[in-house]
């Protein structure tokens, strides 16, 4: 089937959903339902452990960028499973980013630049 010219999308009209900038994380943090309620982007500037607790009901991914040189690691709360390539749970380094994706039933995928 052909596409009518009036339904074409020009590059100038493409819009991305609004991204909400979360509070900068400078220490340990816990993911909340508010984080999983829309497009949220967090800057992590210092050594931090980001814990994913059980019982969250949010369904939207959340992205974290490591802006400092210190290690940022994700930890699963009791009964939570974080699935990632070769079980890596740390952001790869400064300016790398990862996205935490809820899959339901306290299971999450962690994708992106991991080490």
Protein backbone atom coordinates (compact mmCIF):
# COMPACT_ATOMS: atom_id res chain seq x y z
CA UNK A 1 0.00 0.00 0.00
CA UNK A 2 1.08 3.55 -0.60
CA UNK A 3 1.16 6.34 1.93
CA UNK A 4 -0.66 9.52 1.05
CA UNK A 5 1.72 12.50 0.92
CA UNK A 6 -0.35 14.37 3.51
CA UNK A 7 0.37 11.64 6.06
CA UNK A 8 4.13 11.93 5.71
CA UNK A 9 5.97 13.25 8.72
CA UNK A 10 8.52 15.98 8.19
CA UNK A 11 11.53 15.87 10.47
CA UNK A 12 10.68 19.35 11.67
CA UNK A 13 7.41 18.15 13.16
CA UNK A 14 8.70 15.19 15.16
CA UNK A 15 8.32 15.80 18.86
CA UNK A 16 9.51 13.69 21.74
CA UNK A 17 7.56 13.30 24.96
CA UNK A 18 8.45 15.73 27.70
CA UNK A 19 11.21 14.47 29.95
CA UNK A 20 10.95 15.35 33.60
CA UNK A 21 14.28 16.01 35.28
CA UNK A 22 14.37 14.36 38.66
CA UNK A 23 16.32 15.62 41.63
CA UNK A 24 20.05 15.12 41.29
CA UNK A 25 21.20 12.11 43.29
CA UNK A 26 24.33 12.73 45.33
CA UNK A 27 24.01 9.78 47.71
CA UNK A 28 22.09 6.53 48.02
CA UNK A 29 18.52 6.54 46.71
CA UNK A 30 15.46 4.31 46.41
CA UNK A 31 13.31 4.11 43.28
CA UNK A 32 9.69 5.21 43.92
CA UNK A 33 6.39 4.89 42.07
CA UNK A 34 6.70 8.56 41.12
CA UNK A 35 9.93 7.69 39.27
CA UNK A 36 8.08 5.00 37.27
CA UNK A 37 5.17 7.26 36.31
CA UNK A 38 6.62 8.92 33.25
CA UNK A 39 9.82 9.93 31.51
CA UNK A 40 12.18 10.82 34.33
CA UNK A 41 15.91 11.46 33.99
CA UNK A 42 18.24 11.53 37.01
CA UNK A 43 21.80 12.83 37.25
CA UNK A 44 23.93 10.82 39.68
CA UNK A 45 27.05 12.74 40.68
CA UNK A 46 28.62 10.76 43.53
CA UNK A 47 29.10 7.22 44.80
CA UNK A 48 25.59 5.87 45.09
CA UNK A 49 23.56 2.71 45.46
CA UNK A 50 20.13 2.92 43.86
CA UNK A 51 17.80 0.38 45.44
CA UNK A 52 14.75 -1.02 43.67
CA UNK A 53 12.28 -2.01 46.43
CA UNK A 54 9.48 -4.59 46.16
CA UNK A 55 5.86 -3.64 45.55
CA UNK A 56 6.27 -0.76 43.09
CA UNK A 57 3.33 -0.32 40.72
CA UNK A 58 4.73 2.25 38.27
CA UNK A 59 4.95 1.09 34.68
CA UNK A 60 7.17 3.60 32.88
CA UNK A 61 10.96 3.36 32.43
CA UNK A 62 13.31 5.70 34.29
CA UNK A 63 16.76 6.73 33.04
CA UNK A 64 19.82 7.47 35.16
CA UNK A 65 22.99 9.19 33.95
CA UNK A 66 26.22 9.07 35.92
CA UNK A 67 27.58 12.62 35.80
CA UNK A 68 30.38 12.16 38.33
CA UNK A 69 33.39 9.84 38.28
CA UNK A 70 32.29 7.69 41.26
CA UNK A 71 30.59 4.29 40.94
CA UNK A 72 26.81 4.01 40.74
CA UNK A 73 25.34 0.56 41.45
CA UNK A 74 21.78 -0.79 41.43
CA UNK A 75 20.57 -3.14 44.16
CA UNK A 76 17.47 -5.33 44.23
CA UNK A 77 15.28 -5.16 47.33
CA UNK A 78 13.88 -8.33 48.91
CA UNK A 79 12.03 -10.36 46.26
CA UNK A 80 13.02 -8.03 43.40
CA UNK A 81 14.78 -9.30 40.27
CA UNK A 82 16.90 -6.99 38.14
CA UNK A 83 17.72 -8.55 34.78
CA UNK A 84 20.72 -7.20 32.93
CA UNK A 85 23.33 -8.37 30.46
CA UNK A 86 25.73 -10.71 32.28
CA UNK A 87 24.13 -9.58 35.58
CA UNK A 88 25.93 -6.23 35.47
CA UNK A 89 24.43 -3.70 37.90
CA UNK A 90 26.77 -0.68 37.75
CA UNK A 91 26.72 2.27 35.35
CA UNK A 92 29.79 2.03 33.09
CA UNK A 93 31.31 5.40 33.97
CA UNK A 94 31.05 9.16 33.80
CA UNK A 95 28.36 10.36 31.34
CA UNK A 96 27.10 6.82 30.70
CA UNK A 97 23.40 6.15 31.22
CA UNK A 98 21.09 3.23 31.95
CA UNK A 99 17.35 2.74 31.89
CA UNK A 100 15.37 0.73 34.44
CA UNK A 101 12.30 -0.85 32.83
CA UNK A 102 9.49 -2.36 34.96
CA UNK A 103 8.33 -5.71 33.57
CA UNK A 104 5.72 -6.48 36.25
CA UNK A 105 5.75 -8.66 39.36
CA UNK A 106 8.86 -7.03 40.90
CA UNK A 107 10.94 -7.86 37.81
CA UNK A 108 12.93 -5.11 36.07
CA UNK A 109 15.23 -4.91 33.07
CA UNK A 110 18.32 -2.72 33.43
CA UNK A 111 19.68 -1.75 30.01
CA UNK A 112 22.32 0.62 28.73
CA UNK A 113 25.97 1.26 29.47
CA UNK A 114 26.70 -1.19 32.28
CA UNK A 115 29.82 -2.69 33.80
